Amino acid sequence: MKPSHLTLKRHFSVLATMALLSLGASNANADGVHDMCVDSAKICECAARKLNAEVGDASYALYEVIGTDYLVNKQTDMNMVEAWDAAVKSAAARKGEGFTDTLNKTNKIGSAHRDAIEACKGG
């Protein structure tokens, strides 16, 4: 079956998010949100605080777990989309939620994370 436009759009969104946030997990901080951030520790810490304040503890925790799993998956032969999708599928299964619903949630959180990083950069 051919992927729908929305599916392709979601995967593009994931790729854009991951390209921006996880070019490398150079910050050896305490959680996946920090570890996906490739800016200075000060900016990443600021962005994590802003993100948590904006999305709340439950959404932050979901994004953190998926981010951690994503980074582990990237250490295998998975590309960015495969690694993210596998992390989302795993988290969705643990929570008893659907993949698409969880992916949509994380896309929104990822967008908020990008905005928080830009705000912390002063942009």
PDB file of N, CA and C in Angstrom:
ATOM      1  N   MET A   1       0.848  -1.177   0.000  1.00  0.00           N
ATOM      2  CA  MET A   1       0.000   0.000   0.000  1.00  0.00           C
ATOM      3  C   MET A   1       0.893   1.240   0.000  1.00  0.00           C
ATOM      4  N   LYS A   2       0.507   2.209  -0.793  1.00  0.00           N
ATOM      5  CA  LYS A   2       1.244   3.458  -0.920  1.00  0.00           C
ATOM      6  C   LYS A   2       0.991   4.344   0.297  1.00  0.00           C
ATOM      7  N   PRO A   3       2.048   4.953   0.858  1.00  0.00           N
ATOM      8  CA  PRO A   3       1.828   5.811   2.036  1.00  0.00           C
ATOM      9  C   PRO A   3       0.989   7.029   1.675  1.00  0.00           C
ATOM     10  N   SER A   4       0.139   7.419   2.588  1.00  0.00           N
ATOM     11  CA  SER A   4      -0.705   8.595   2.369  1.00  0.00           C
ATOM     12  C   SER A   4       0.116   9.865   2.518  1.00  0.00           C
ATOM     13  N   HIS A   5      -0.447  10.944   2.047  1.00  0.00           N
ATOM     14  CA  HIS A   5       0.193  12.257   2.167  1.00  0.00           C
ATOM     15  C   HIS A   5       0.449  12.604   3.634  1.00  0.00           C
ATOM     16  N   LEU A   6      -0.520  12.304   4.506  1.00  0.00           N
ATOM     17  CA  LEU A   6      -0.351  12.613   5.929  1.00  0.00           C
ATOM     18  C   LEU A   6       0.754  11.781   6.550  1.00  0.00           C
ATOM     19  N   THR A   7       0.854  10.508   6.140  1.00  0.00           N
ATOM     20  CA  THR A   7       1.930   9.656   6.658  1.00  0.00           C
ATOM     21  C   THR A   7       3.275  10.209   6.236  1.00  0.00           C
ATOM     22  N   LEU A   8       3.405  10.581   4.974  1.00  0.00           N
ATOM     23  CA  LEU A   8       4.660  11.162   4.492  1.00  0.00           C
ATOM     24  C   LEU A   8       4.965  12.475   5.205  1.00  0.00           C
ATOM     25  N   LYS A   9       3.927  13.280   5.425  1.00  0.00           N
ATOM     26  CA  LYS A   9       4.111  14.551   6.126  1.00  0.00           C
ATOM     27  C   LYS A   9       4.593  14.306   7.562  1.00  0.00           C
ATOM     28  N   ARG A  10       4.001  13.294   8.247  1.00  0.00           N
ATOM     29  CA  ARG A  10       4.422  12.972   9.609  1.00  0.00           C
ATOM     30  C   ARG A  10       5.887  12.543   9.636  1.00  0.00           C
ATOM     31  N   HIS A  11       6.260  11.686   8.682  1.00  0.00           N
ATOM     32  CA  HIS A  11       7.641  11.221   8.652  1.00  0.00           C
ATOM     33  C   HIS A  11       8.601  12.365   8.327  1.00  0.00           C
ATOM     34  N   PHE A  12       8.185  13.279   7.454  1.00  0.00           N
ATOM     35  CA  PHE A  12       9.020  14.434   7.186  1.00  0.00           C
ATOM     36  C   PHE A  12       9.189  15.271   8.447  1.00  0.00           C
ATOM     37  N   SER A  13       8.088  15.429   9.191  1.00  0.00           N
ATOM     38  CA  SER A  13       8.142  16.186  10.436  1.00  0.00           C
ATOM     39  C   SER A  13       9.107  15.534  11.425  1.00  0.00           C
ATOM     40  N   VAL A  14       9.046  14.211  11.516  1.00  0.00           N
ATOM     41  CA  VAL A  14       9.959  13.488  12.401  1.00  0.00           C
ATOM     42  C   VAL A  14      11.398  13.693  11.941  1.00  0.00           C
ATOM     43  N   LEU A  15      11.639  13.575  10.640  1.00  0.00           N
ATOM     44  CA  LEU A  15      12.991  13.775  10.118  1.00  0.00           C
ATOM     45  C   LEU A  15      13.495  15.178  10.418  1.00  0.00           C
ATOM     46  N   ALA A  16      12.654  16.175  10.200  1.00  0.00           N
ATOM     47  CA  ALA A  16      13.061  17.556  10.460  1.00  0.00           C
ATOM     48  C   ALA A  16      13.375  17.757  11.935  1.00  0.00           C
ATOM     49  N   THR A  17      12.534  17.214  12.791  1.00  0.00           N
ATOM     50  CA  THR A  17      12.761  17.325  14.229  1.00  0.00           C
ATOM     51  C   THR A  17      14.060  16.648  14.620  1.00  0.00           C
ATOM     52  N   MET A  18      14.251  15.441  14.142  1.00  0.00           N
ATOM     53  CA  MET A  18      15.442  14.686  14.519  1.00  0.00           C
ATOM     54  C   MET A  18      16.708  15.300  13.940  1.00  0.00           C
ATOM     55  N   ALA A  19      16.632  15.822  12.728  1.00  0.00           N
ATOM     56  CA  ALA A  19      17.799  16.473  12.151  1.00  0.00           C
ATOM     57  C   ALA A  19      18.208  17.676  12.981  1.00  0.00           C
ATOM     58  N   LEU A  20      17.219  18.416  13.449  1.00  0.00           N
ATOM     59  CA  LEU A  20      17.509  19.591  14.261  1.00  0.00           C
ATOM     60  C   LEU A  20      17.974  19.230  15.663  1.00  0.00           C
ATOM     61  N   LEU A  21      17.319  18.253  16.275  1.00  0.00           N
ATOM     62  CA  LEU A  21      17.562  17.968  17.679  1.00  0.00           C
ATOM     63  C   LEU A  21      18.606  16.907  17.954  1.00  0.00           C
ATOM     64  N   SER A  22      18.893  16.059  16.968  1.00  0.00           N
ATOM     65  CA  SER A  22      19.766  14.934  17.314  1.00  0.00           C
ATOM     66  C   SER A  22      20.847  14.664  16.288  1.00  0.00           C
ATOM     67  N   LEU A  23      21.484  15.689  15.846  1.00  0.00           N
ATOM     68  CA  LEU A  23      22.611  15.488  14.960  1.00  0.00           C
ATOM     69  C   LEU A  23      23.714  14.723  15.670  1.00  0.00           C
ATOM     70  N   GLY A  24      23.650  14.729  16.948  1.00  0.00           N
ATOM     71  CA  GLY A  24      24.560  13.977  17.787  1.00  0.00           C
ATOM     72  C   GLY A  24      24.180  14.218  19.222  1.00  0.00           C
ATOM     73  N   ALA A  25      24.297  13.212  20.031  1.00  0.00           N
ATOM     74  CA  ALA A  25      23.945  13.355  21.442  1.00  0.00           C
ATOM     75  C   ALA A  25      25.199  13.768  22.196  1.00  0.00           C
ATOM     76  N   SER A  26      25.632  15.005  21.943  1.00  0.00           N
ATOM     77  CA  SER A  26      26.889  15.454  22.514  1.00  0.00           C
ATOM     78  C   SER A  26      26.769  15.910  23.960  1.00  0.00           C
ATOM     79  N   ASN A  27      25.576  16.215  24.396  1.00  0.00           N
ATOM     80  CA  ASN A  27      25.392  16.664  25.764  1.00  0.00           C
ATOM     81  C   ASN A  27      25.087  15.472  26.644  1.00  0.00           C
ATOM     82  N   ALA A  28      25.987  15.132  27.530  1.00  0.00           N
ATOM     83  CA  ALA A  28      25.795  13.965  28.391  1.00  0.00           C
ATOM     84  C   ALA A  28      25.015  14.371  29.632  1.00  0.00           C
ATOM     85  N   ASN A  29      23.778  14.786  29.426  1.00  0.00           N
ATOM     86  CA  ASN A  29      22.927  15.218  30.520  1.00  0.00           C
ATOM     87  C   ASN A  29      22.035  14.085  30.982  1.00  0.00           C
ATOM     88  N   ALA A  30      21.126  14.412  31.877  1.00  0.00           N
ATOM     89  CA  ALA A  30      20.375  13.400  32.611  1.00  0.00           C
ATOM     90  C   ALA A  30      19.236  12.740  31.850  1.00  0.00           C
ATOM     91  N   ASP A  31      18.748  13.308  30.761  1.00  0.00           N
ATOM     92  CA  ASP A  31      17.598  12.685  30.115  1.00  0.00           C
ATOM     93  C   ASP A  31      17.625  12.835  28.602  1.00  0.00           C
ATOM     94  N   GLY A  32      16.710  12.119  27.941  1.00  0.00           N
ATOM     95  CA  GLY A  32      16.645  12.096  26.491  1.00  0.00           C
ATOM     96  C   GLY A  32      16.354  13.439  25.857  1.00  0.00           C
ATOM     97  N   VAL A  33      15.606  14.298  26.537  1.00  0.00           N
ATOM     98  CA  VAL A  33      15.328  15.629  25.994  1.00  0.00           C
ATOM     99  C   VAL A  33      16.634  16.415  25.906  1.00  0.00           C
ATOM    100  N   HIS A  34      17.408  16.399  26.983  1.00  0.00           N
ATOM    101  CA  HIS A  34      18.716  17.060  26.960  1.00  0.00           C
ATOM    102  C   HIS A  34      19.620  16.416  25.920  1.00  0.00           C
ATOM    103  N   ASP A  35      19.617  15.094  25.884  1.00  0.00           N
ATOM    104  CA  ASP A  35      20.547  14.379  25.018  1.00  0.00           C
ATOM    105  C   ASP A  35      20.239  14.557  23.539  1.00  0.00           C
ATOM    106  N   MET A  36      18.997  14.873  23.184  1.00  0.00           N
ATOM    107  CA  MET A  36      18.670  15.138  21.782  1.00  0.00           C
ATOM    108  C   MET A  36      19.046  16.557  21.368  1.00  0.00           C
ATOM    109  N   CYS A  37      19.294  17.413  22.310  1.00  0.00           N
ATOM    110  CA  CYS A  37      19.629  18.809  22.041  1.00  0.00           C
ATOM    111  C   CYS A  37      21.110  18.922  21.723  1.00  0.00           C
ATOM    112  N   VAL A  38      21.441  19.620  20.631  1.00  0.00           N
ATOM    113  CA  VAL A  38      22.835  19.724  20.208  1.00  0.00           C
ATOM    114  C   VAL A  38      23.432  21.111  20.446  1.00  0.00           C
ATOM    115  N   ASP A  39      22.706  21.951  21.148  1.00  0.00           N
ATOM    116  CA  ASP A  39      23.217  23.283  21.459  1.00  0.00           C
ATOM    117  C   ASP A  39      24.022  23.234  22.755  1.00  0.00           C
ATOM    118  N   SER A  40      24.397  24.392  23.258  1.00  0.00           N
ATOM    119  CA  SER A  40      25.162  24.451  24.502  1.00  0.00           C
ATOM    120  C   SER A  40      24.327  23.899  25.654  1.00  0.00           C
ATOM    121  N   ALA A  41      25.008  23.474  26.689  1.00  0.00           N
ATOM    122  CA  ALA A  41      24.310  22.940  27.869  1.00  0.00           C
ATOM    123  C   ALA A  41      23.338  23.968  28.426  1.00  0.00           C
ATOM    124  N   LYS A  42      23.740  25.238  28.437  1.00  0.00           N
ATOM    125  CA  LYS A  42      22.875  26.294  28.969  1.00  0.00           C
ATOM    126  C   LYS A  42      21.583  26.399  28.150  1.00  0.00           C
ATOM    127  N   ILE A  43      21.693  26.388  26.834  1.00  0.00           N
ATOM    128  CA  ILE A  43      20.514  26.472  25.971  1.00  0.00           C
ATOM    129  C   ILE A  43      19.650  25.220  26.125  1.00  0.00           C
ATOM    130  N   CYS A  44      20.285  24.054  26.162  1.00  0.00           N
ATOM    131  CA  CYS A  44      19.538  22.798  26.279  1.00  0.00           C
ATOM    132  C   CYS A  44      18.799  22.708  27.611  1.00  0.00           C
ATOM    133  N   GLU A  45      19.427  23.147  28.680  1.00  0.00           N
ATOM    134  CA  GLU A  45      18.769  23.133  29.989  1.00  0.00           C
ATOM    135  C   GLU A  45      17.598  24.115  30.017  1.00  0.00           C
ATOM    136  N   CYS A  46      17.813  25.287  29.453  1.00  0.00           N
ATOM    137  CA  CYS A  46      16.749  26.290  29.366  1.00  0.00           C
ATOM    138  C   CYS A  46      15.585  25.737  28.557  1.00  0.00           C
ATOM    139  N   ALA A  47      15.887  25.138  27.413  1.00  0.00           N
ATOM    140  CA  ALA A  47      14.841  24.601  26.533  1.00  0.00           C
ATOM    141  C   ALA A  47      14.083  23.464  27.213  1.00  0.00           C
ATOM    142  N   ALA A  48      14.782  22.614  27.950  1.00  0.00           N
ATOM    143  CA  ALA A  48      14.110  21.508  28.651  1.00  0.00           C
ATOM    144  C   ALA A  48      13.152  22.061  29.706  1.00  0.00           C
ATOM    145  N   ARG A  49      13.587  23.081  30.439  1.00  0.00           N
ATOM    146  CA  ARG A  49      12.703  23.701  31.442  1.00  0.00           C
ATOM    147  C   ARG A  49      11.478  24.320  30.780  1.00  0.00           C
ATOM    148  N   LYS A  50      11.706  25.077  29.691  1.00  0.00           N
ATOM    149  CA  LYS A  50      10.597  25.712  28.974  1.00  0.00           C
ATOM    150  C   LYS A  50       9.640  24.660  28.418  1.00  0.00           C
ATOM    151  N   LEU A  51      10.190  23.598  27.858  1.00  0.00           N
ATOM    152  CA  LEU A  51       9.354  22.541  27.297  1.00  0.00           C
ATOM    153  C   LEU A  51       8.499  21.902  28.374  1.00  0.00           C
ATOM    154  N   ASN A  52       9.107  21.565  29.497  1.00  0.00           N
ATOM    155  CA  ASN A  52       8.363  20.939  30.586  1.00  0.00           C
ATOM    156  C   ASN A  52       7.248  21.855  31.078  1.00  0.00           C
ATOM    157  N   ALA A  53       7.562  23.140  31.206  1.00  0.00           N
ATOM    158  CA  ALA A  53       6.538  24.098  31.653  1.00  0.00           C
ATOM    159  C   ALA A  53       5.403  24.205  30.642  1.00  0.00           C
ATOM    160  N   GLU A  54       5.719  24.114  29.359  1.00  0.00           N
ATOM    161  CA  GLU A  54       4.692  24.261  28.326  1.00  0.00           C
ATOM    162  C   GLU A  54       3.844  23.006  28.155  1.00  0.00           C
ATOM    163  N   VAL A  55       4.479  21.835  28.132  1.00  0.00           N
ATOM    164  CA  VAL A  55       3.722  20.614  27.802  1.00  0.00           C
ATOM    165  C   VAL A  55       3.291  19.821  29.024  1.00  0.00           C
ATOM    166  N   GLY A  56       3.884  20.087  30.174  1.00  0.00           N
ATOM    167  CA  GLY A  56       3.530  19.369  31.391  1.00  0.00           C
ATOM    168  C   GLY A  56       4.379  18.127  31.604  1.00  0.00           C
ATOM    169  N   ASP A  57       4.320  17.627  32.826  1.00  0.00           N
ATOM    170  CA  ASP A  57       5.173  16.511  33.226  1.00  0.00           C
ATOM    171  C   ASP A  57       4.927  15.236  32.421  1.00  0.00           C
ATOM    172  N   ALA A  58       3.673  14.899  32.165  1.00  0.00           N
ATOM    173  CA  ALA A  58       3.367  13.636  31.473  1.00  0.00           C
ATOM    174  C   ALA A  58       3.882  13.653  30.031  1.00  0.00           C
ATOM    175  N   SER A  59       3.653  14.742  29.328  1.00  0.00           N
ATOM    176  CA  SER A  59       4.126  14.835  27.941  1.00  0.00           C
ATOM    177  C   SER A  59       5.643  14.916  27.885  1.00  0.00           C
ATOM    178  N   TYR A  60       6.225  15.644  28.828  1.00  0.00           N
ATOM    179  CA  TYR A  60       7.690  15.720  28.885  1.00  0.00           C
ATOM    180  C   TYR A  60       8.268  14.328  29.123  1.00  0.00           C
ATOM    181  N   ALA A  61       7.683  13.585  30.043  1.00  0.00           N
ATOM    182  CA  ALA A  61       8.165  12.235  30.350  1.00  0.00           C
ATOM    183  C   ALA A  61       8.053  11.321  29.135  1.00  0.00           C
ATOM    184  N   LEU A  62       6.955  11.420  28.404  1.00  0.00           N
ATOM    185  CA  LEU A  62       6.784  10.626  27.182  1.00  0.00           C
ATOM    186  C   LEU A  62       7.881  10.956  26.184  1.00  0.00           C
ATOM    187  N   TYR A  63       8.115  12.237  25.937  1.00  0.00           N
ATOM    188  CA  TYR A  63       9.133  12.681  24.990  1.00  0.00           C
ATOM    189  C   TYR A  63      10.525  12.271  25.451  1.00  0.00           C
ATOM    190  N   GLU A  64      10.760  12.335  26.734  1.00  0.00           N
ATOM    191  CA  GLU A  64      12.061  11.946  27.283  1.00  0.00           C
ATOM    192  C   GLU A  64      12.327  10.467  27.068  1.00  0.00           C
ATOM    193  N   VAL A  65      11.350   9.632  27.364  1.00  0.00           N
ATOM    194  CA  VAL A  65      11.511   8.180  27.185  1.00  0.00           C
ATOM    195  C   VAL A  65      11.726   7.847  25.712  1.00  0.00           C
ATOM    196  N   ILE A  66      10.919   8.442  24.861  1.00  0.00           N
ATOM    197  CA  ILE A  66      11.064   8.179  23.428  1.00  0.00           C
ATOM    198  C   ILE A  66      12.410   8.696  22.930  1.00  0.00           C
ATOM    199  N   GLY A  67      12.822   9.861  23.401  1.00  0.00           N
ATOM    200  CA  GLY A  67      14.129  10.400  23.016  1.00  0.00           C
ATOM    201  C   GLY A  67      15.273   9.496  23.425  1.00  0.00           C
ATOM    202  N   THR A  68      15.201   8.966  24.629  1.00  0.00           N
ATOM    203  CA  THR A  68      16.239   8.049  25.109  1.00  0.00           C
ATOM    204  C   THR A  68      16.274   6.794  24.252  1.00  0.00           C
ATOM    205  N   ASP A  69      15.092   6.211  24.009  1.00  0.00           N
ATOM    206  CA  ASP A  69      15.020   5.009  23.170  1.00  0.00           C
ATOM    207  C   ASP A  69      15.493   5.295  21.753  1.00  0.00           C
ATOM    208  N   TYR A  70      15.123   6.452  21.223  1.00  0.00           N
ATOM    209  CA  TYR A  70      15.542   6.860  19.882  1.00  0.00           C
ATOM    210  C   TYR A  70      17.070   6.884  19.778  1.00  0.00           C
ATOM    211  N   LEU A  71      17.709   7.508  20.751  1.00  0.00           N
ATOM    212  CA  LEU A  71      19.167   7.606  20.709  1.00  0.00           C
ATOM    213  C   LEU A  71      19.829   6.234  20.809  1.00  0.00           C
ATOM    214  N   VAL A  72      19.257   5.343  21.610  1.00  0.00           N
ATOM    215  CA  VAL A  72      19.760   3.964  21.684  1.00  0.00           C
ATOM    216  C   VAL A  72      19.581   3.277  20.332  1.00  0.00           C
ATOM    217  N   ASN A  73      18.399   3.436  19.743  1.00  0.00           N
ATOM    218  CA  ASN A  73      18.121   2.823  18.443  1.00  0.00           C
ATOM    219  C   ASN A  73      19.059   3.328  17.360  1.00  0.00           C
ATOM    220  N   LYS A  74      19.416   4.605  17.420  1.00  0.00           N
ATOM    221  CA  LYS A  74      20.327   5.183  16.423  1.00  0.00           C
ATOM    222  C   LYS A  74      21.708   4.546  16.477  1.00  0.00           C
ATOM    223  N   GLN A  75      22.055   3.954  17.607  1.00  0.00           N
ATOM    224  CA  GLN A  75      23.358   3.300  17.731  1.00  0.00           C
ATOM    225  C   GLN A  75      23.385   1.959  16.989  1.00  0.00           C
ATOM    226  N   THR A  76      22.211   1.510  16.528  1.00  0.00           N
ATOM    227  CA  THR A  76      22.124   0.295  15.723  1.00  0.00           C
ATOM    228  C   THR A  76      22.133   0.709  14.256  1.00  0.00           C
ATOM    229  N   ASP A  77      21.695  -0.155  13.396  1.00  0.00           N
ATOM    230  CA  ASP A  77      21.674   0.149  11.963  1.00  0.00           C
ATOM    231  C   ASP A  77      20.444   0.936  11.535  1.00  0.00           C
ATOM    232  N   MET A  78      19.623   1.389  12.469  1.00  0.00           N
ATOM    233  CA  MET A  78      18.410   2.121  12.111  1.00  0.00           C
ATOM    234  C   MET A  78      18.735   3.540  11.673  1.00  0.00           C
ATOM    235  N   ASN A  79      18.011   4.007  10.634  1.00  0.00           N
ATOM    236  CA  ASN A  79      18.132   5.416  10.268  1.00  0.00           C
ATOM    237  C   ASN A  79      17.265   6.228  11.223  1.00  0.00           C
ATOM    238  N   MET A  80      17.227   7.543  11.037  1.00  0.00           N
ATOM    239  CA  MET A  80      16.509   8.403  11.984  1.00  0.00           C
ATOM    240  C   MET A  80      15.024   8.061  12.079  1.00  0.00           C
ATOM    241  N   VAL A  81      14.360   7.885  10.941  1.00  0.00           N
ATOM    242  CA  VAL A  81      12.926   7.596  10.966  1.00  0.00           C
ATOM    243  C   VAL A  81      12.673   6.237  11.599  1.00  0.00           C
ATOM    244  N   GLU A  82      13.439   5.239  11.217  1.00  0.00           N
ATOM    245  CA  GLU A  82      13.270   3.900  11.793  1.00  0.00           C
ATOM    246  C   GLU A  82      13.493   3.919  13.302  1.00  0.00           C
ATOM    247  N   ALA A  83      14.524   4.637  13.726  1.00  0.00           N
ATOM    248  CA  ALA A  83      14.842   4.716  15.155  1.00  0.00           C
ATOM    249  C   ALA A  83      13.736   5.424  15.926  1.00  0.00           C
ATOM    250  N   TRP A  84      13.225   6.523  15.378  1.00  0.00           N
ATOM    251  CA  TRP A  84      12.154   7.270  16.043  1.00  0.00           C
ATOM    252  C   TRP A  84      10.878   6.438  16.070  1.00  0.00           C
ATOM    253  N   ASP A  85      10.526   5.861  14.915  1.00  0.00           N
ATOM    254  CA  ASP A  85       9.304   5.059  14.851  1.00  0.00           C
ATOM    255  C   ASP A  85       9.352   3.884  15.827  1.00  0.00           C
ATOM    256  N   ALA A  86      10.489   3.225  15.923  1.00  0.00           N
ATOM    257  CA  ALA A  86      10.622   2.097  16.855  1.00  0.00           C
ATOM    258  C   ALA A  86      10.447   2.576  18.296  1.00  0.00           C
ATOM    259  N   ALA A  87      11.018   3.731  18.617  1.00  0.00           N
ATOM    260  CA  ALA A  87      10.877   4.280  19.970  1.00  0.00           C
ATOM    261  C   ALA A  87       9.423   4.658  20.256  1.00  0.00           C
ATOM    262  N   VAL A  88       8.760   5.246  19.275  1.00  0.00           N
ATOM    263  CA  VAL A  88       7.356   5.629  19.440  1.00  0.00           C
ATOM    264  C   VAL A  88       6.491   4.376  19.597  1.00  0.00           C
ATOM    265  N   LYS A  89       6.729   3.373  18.760  1.00  0.00           N
ATOM    266  CA  LYS A  89       5.954   2.124  18.846  1.00  0.00           C
ATOM    267  C   LYS A  89       6.113   1.475  20.209  1.00  0.00           C
ATOM    268  N   SER A  90       7.323   1.464  20.715  1.00  0.00           N
ATOM    269  CA  SER A  90       7.588   0.873  22.024  1.00  0.00           C
ATOM    270  C   SER A  90       6.852   1.624  23.128  1.00  0.00           C
ATOM    271  N   ALA A  91       6.934   2.947  23.096  1.00  0.00           N
ATOM    272  CA  ALA A  91       6.263   3.759  24.116  1.00  0.00           C
ATOM    273  C   ALA A  91       4.751   3.615  24.006  1.00  0.00           C
ATOM    274  N   ALA A  92       4.242   3.600  22.788  1.00  0.00           N
ATOM    275  CA  ALA A  92       2.798   3.461  22.583  1.00  0.00           C
ATOM    276  C   ALA A  92       2.316   2.125  23.128  1.00  0.00           C
ATOM    277  N   ALA A  93       3.070   1.072  22.874  1.00  0.00           N
ATOM    278  CA  ALA A  93       2.686  -0.258  23.362  1.00  0.00           C
ATOM    279  C   ALA A  93       2.686  -0.291  24.890  1.00  0.00           C
ATOM    280  N   ARG A  94       3.701   0.308  25.513  1.00  0.00           N
ATOM    281  CA  ARG A  94       3.770   0.336  26.982  1.00  0.00           C
ATOM    282  C   ARG A  94       2.593   1.091  27.584  1.00  0.00           C
ATOM    283  N   LYS A  95       2.138   2.140  26.884  1.00  0.00           N
ATOM    284  CA  LYS A  95       1.031   2.954  27.391  1.00  0.00           C
ATOM    285  C   LYS A  95      -0.331   2.433  26.927  1.00  0.00           C
ATOM    286  N   GLY A  96      -0.332   1.445  26.045  1.00  0.00           N
ATOM    287  CA  GLY A  96      -1.593   0.931  25.518  1.00  0.00           C
ATOM    288  C   GLY A  96      -2.275   1.911  24.574  1.00  0.00           C
ATOM    289  N   GLU A  97      -1.486   2.708  23.879  1.00  0.00           N
ATOM    290  CA  GLU A  97      -2.010   3.696  22.937  1.00  0.00           C
ATOM    291  C   GLU A  97      -1.590   3.324  21.523  1.00  0.00           C
ATOM    292  N   GLY A  98      -2.230   3.917  20.546  1.00  0.00           N
ATOM    293  CA  GLY A  98      -1.891   3.664  19.154  1.00  0.00           C
ATOM    294  C   GLY A  98      -0.637   4.396  18.728  1.00  0.00           C
ATOM    295  N   PHE A  99       0.038   3.839  17.737  1.00  0.00           N
ATOM    296  CA  PHE A  99       1.252   4.444  17.193  1.00  0.00           C
ATOM    297  C   PHE A  99       0.977   5.850  16.660  1.00  0.00           C
ATOM    298  N   THR A 100      -0.054   6.006  15.839  1.00  0.00           N
ATOM    299  CA  THR A 100      -0.329   7.297  15.211  1.00  0.00           C
ATOM    300  C   THR A 100      -0.637   8.368  16.245  1.00  0.00           C
ATOM    301  N   ASP A 101      -1.437   8.038  17.253  1.00  0.00           N
ATOM    302  CA  ASP A 101      -1.745   9.005  18.307  1.00  0.00           C
ATOM    303  C   ASP A 101      -0.476   9.432  19.043  1.00  0.00           C
ATOM    304  N   THR A 102       0.365   8.463  19.348  1.00  0.00           N
ATOM    305  CA  THR A 102       1.610   8.768  20.060  1.00  0.00           C
ATOM    306  C   THR A 102       2.546   9.574  19.174  1.00  0.00           C
ATOM    307  N   LEU A 103       2.637   9.218  17.898  1.00  0.00           N
ATOM    308  CA  LEU A 103       3.480   9.971  16.969  1.00  0.00           C
ATOM    309  C   LEU A 103       2.995  11.412  16.852  1.00  0.00           C
ATOM    310  N   ASN A 104       1.695  11.602  16.750  1.00  0.00           N
ATOM    311  CA  ASN A 104       1.150  12.961  16.670  1.00  0.00           C
ATOM    312  C   ASN A 104       1.483  13.764  17.926  1.00  0.00           C
ATOM    313  N   LYS A 105       1.375  13.131  19.092  1.00  0.00           N
ATOM    314  CA  LYS A 105       1.734  13.810  20.350  1.00  0.00           C
ATOM    315  C   LYS A 105       3.203  14.226  20.325  1.00  0.00           C
ATOM    316  N   THR A 106       4.071  13.291  19.928  1.00  0.00           N
ATOM    317  CA  THR A 106       5.501  13.606  19.958  1.00  0.00           C
ATOM    318  C   THR A 106       5.874  14.635  18.903  1.00  0.00           C
ATOM    319  N   ASN A 107       5.156  14.670  17.775  1.00  0.00           N
ATOM    320  CA  ASN A 107       5.424  15.714  16.785  1.00  0.00           C
ATOM    321  C   ASN A 107       5.120  17.093  17.369  1.00  0.00           C
ATOM    322  N   LYS A 108       4.017  17.199  18.098  1.00  0.00           N
ATOM    323  CA  LYS A 108       3.663  18.472  18.736  1.00  0.00           C
ATOM    324  C   LYS A 108       4.694  18.847  19.809  1.00  0.00           C
ATOM    325  N   ILE A 109       5.115  17.858  20.587  1.00  0.00           N
ATOM    326  CA  ILE A 109       6.116  18.120  21.626  1.00  0.00           C
ATOM    327  C   ILE A 109       7.438  18.510  20.978  1.00  0.00           C
ATOM    328  N   GLY A 110       7.800  17.827  19.900  1.00  0.00           N
ATOM    329  CA  GLY A 110       9.037  18.157  19.179  1.00  0.00           C
ATOM    330  C   GLY A 110       9.024  19.571  18.647  1.00  0.00           C
ATOM    331  N   SER A 111       7.891  19.996  18.138  1.00  0.00           N
ATOM    332  CA  SER A 111       7.752  21.367  17.657  1.00  0.00           C
ATOM    333  C   SER A 111       7.910  22.351  18.810  1.00  0.00           C
ATOM    334  N   ALA A 112       7.294  22.041  19.940  1.00  0.00           N
ATOM    335  CA  ALA A 112       7.440  22.894  21.128  1.00  0.00           C
ATOM    336  C   ALA A 112       8.889  22.912  21.604  1.00  0.00           C
ATOM    337  N   HIS A 113       9.587  21.778  21.482  1.00  0.00           N
ATOM    338  CA  HIS A 113      10.994  21.718  21.883  1.00  0.00           C
ATOM    339  C   HIS A 113      11.841  22.613  20.975  1.00  0.00           C
ATOM    340  N   ARG A 114      11.605  22.547  19.665  1.00  0.00           N
ATOM    341  CA  ARG A 114      12.337  23.419  18.737  1.00  0.00           C
ATOM    342  C   ARG A 114      12.092  24.885  19.078  1.00  0.00           C
ATOM    343  N   ASP A 115      10.819  25.220  19.354  1.00  0.00           N
ATOM    344  CA  ASP A 115      10.487  26.607  19.709  1.00  0.00           C
ATOM    345  C   ASP A 115      11.190  27.018  21.009  1.00  0.00           C
ATOM    346  N   ALA A 116      11.239  26.111  21.973  1.00  0.00           N
ATOM    347  CA  ALA A 116      11.904  26.415  23.247  1.00  0.00           C
ATOM    348  C   ALA A 116      13.397  26.642  23.027  1.00  0.00           C
ATOM    349  N   ILE A 117      14.005  25.819  22.182  1.00  0.00           N
ATOM    350  CA  ILE A 117      15.446  26.003  21.890  1.00  0.00           C
ATOM    351  C   ILE A 117      15.671  27.367  21.269  1.00  0.00           C
ATOM    352  N   GLU A 118      14.844  27.725  20.294  1.00  0.00           N
ATOM    353  CA  GLU A 118      14.995  29.039  19.646  1.00  0.00           C
ATOM    354  C   GLU A 118      14.788  30.173  20.655  1.00  0.00           C
ATOM    355  N   ALA A 119      13.806  30.035  21.515  1.00  0.00           N
ATOM    356  CA  ALA A 119      13.562  31.066  22.528  1.00  0.00           C
ATOM    357  C   ALA A 119      14.760  31.195  23.462  1.00  0.00           C
ATOM    358  N   CYS A 120      15.349  30.070  23.827  1.00  0.00           N
ATOM    359  CA  CYS A 120      16.501  30.115  24.733  1.00  0.00           C
ATOM    360  C   CYS A 120      17.757  30.653  24.054  1.00  0.00           C
ATOM    361  N   LYS A 121      17.791  30.574  22.739  1.00  0.00           N
ATOM    362  CA  LYS A 121      18.899  31.178  21.967  1.00  0.00           C
ATOM    363  C   LYS A 121      18.713  32.683  21.834  1.00  0.00           C
ATOM    364  N   GLY A 122      17.490  33.122  22.159  1.00  0.00           N
ATOM    365  CA  GLY A 122      17.190  34.540  22.016  1.00  0.00           C
ATOM    366  C   GLY A 122      16.584  34.859  20.663  1.00  0.00           C
ATOM    367  N   GLY A 123      16.132  33.804  19.968  1.00  0.00           N
ATOM    368  CA  GLY A 123      15.602  33.985  18.609  1.00  0.00           C
ATOM    369  C   GLY A 123      14.137  34.145  18.536  1.00  0.00           C
TER     370      GLY A 123
END
